[in-house]
Amino acid sequence: MLPAYNQADYPIYYIMSDQPDCCGKCGSRLDLMEIRMIDGERVFVSECLGCKCEVLLVED
């Protein structure tokens, strides 16, 4: 039997587009909180304006 993993175990990175970025869970718009360097890549850390979850975005 495989162990159960949650989002905290493996973060999900979404790819930015030329359209306004939206939450993958509820579809609401995102608010940029900060830009971090993770494994040598810029990661845009955003907060969903609807469900308040953290969304990680990377450039294509």
Protein backbone atom coordinates (compact mmCIF):
# COMPACT_ATOMS: atom_id res chain seq x y z
CA MET A 1 0.00 0.00 0.00
CA LEU A 2 1.34 3.44 -0.93
CA PRO A 3 1.66 6.09 1.79
CA ALA A 4 -0.71 9.06 1.61
CA TYR A 5 0.85 12.36 0.57
CA ASN A 6 -0.60 15.80 1.02
CA GLN A 7 0.22 19.09 -0.71
CA ALA A 8 2.72 20.01 2.01
CA ASP A 9 4.84 16.97 1.02
CA TYR A 10 5.10 17.97 -2.64
CA PRO A 11 4.27 21.60 -3.49
CA ILE A 12 2.39 22.19 -6.73
CA TYR A 13 3.87 24.79 -9.07
CA TYR A 14 1.60 26.44 -11.64
CA ILE A 15 2.99 27.97 -14.85
CA MET A 16 2.29 31.66 -15.39
CA SER A 17 0.53 32.78 -18.56
CA ASP A 18 -0.25 36.06 -20.26
CA GLN A 19 -3.78 35.87 -18.81
CA PRO A 20 -4.56 36.87 -15.22
CA ASP A 21 -3.56 34.02 -12.92
CA CYS A 22 -6.31 32.31 -10.94
CA CYS A 23 -6.53 29.81 -8.08
CA GLY A 24 -6.51 26.17 -9.18
CA LYS A 25 -8.96 25.29 -6.40
CA CYS A 26 -11.69 27.96 -6.53
CA GLY A 27 -10.87 30.05 -9.65
CA SER A 28 -10.51 33.40 -7.82
CA ARG A 29 -7.82 35.93 -8.69
CA LEU A 30 -4.41 35.87 -7.00
CA ASP A 31 -2.54 38.53 -5.03
CA LEU A 32 1.29 38.43 -5.29
CA MET A 33 2.84 38.25 -1.81
CA GLU A 34 6.56 37.74 -2.58
CA ILE A 35 9.11 36.36 -5.02
CA ARG A 36 11.44 33.62 -3.73
CA MET A 37 14.38 31.78 -5.27
CA ILE A 38 13.80 28.01 -5.00
CA ASP A 39 16.26 25.60 -6.63
CA GLY A 40 17.65 28.48 -8.71
CA GLU A 41 14.26 29.47 -10.14
CA ARG A 42 12.08 32.48 -9.36
CA VAL A 43 8.87 31.40 -7.66
CA PHE A 44 6.02 33.89 -7.35
CA VAL A 45 4.22 33.20 -4.08
CA SER A 46 0.62 34.37 -4.30
CA GLU A 47 -2.46 34.23 -2.11
CA CYS A 48 -5.90 33.41 -3.46
CA LEU A 49 -8.35 36.26 -2.83
CA GLY A 50 -11.19 33.74 -2.48
CA CYS A 51 -10.12 30.71 -0.44
CA LYS A 52 -6.89 32.29 0.93
CA CYS A 53 -4.68 29.33 -0.07
CA GLU A 54 -1.04 29.84 -1.10
CA VAL A 55 -0.36 29.40 -4.84
CA LEU A 56 3.16 28.98 -6.26
CA LEU A 57 3.75 30.22 -9.81
CA VAL A 58 6.79 29.84 -12.07
CA GLU A 59 7.62 31.43 -15.42
CA ASP A 60 7.48 29.28 -18.54
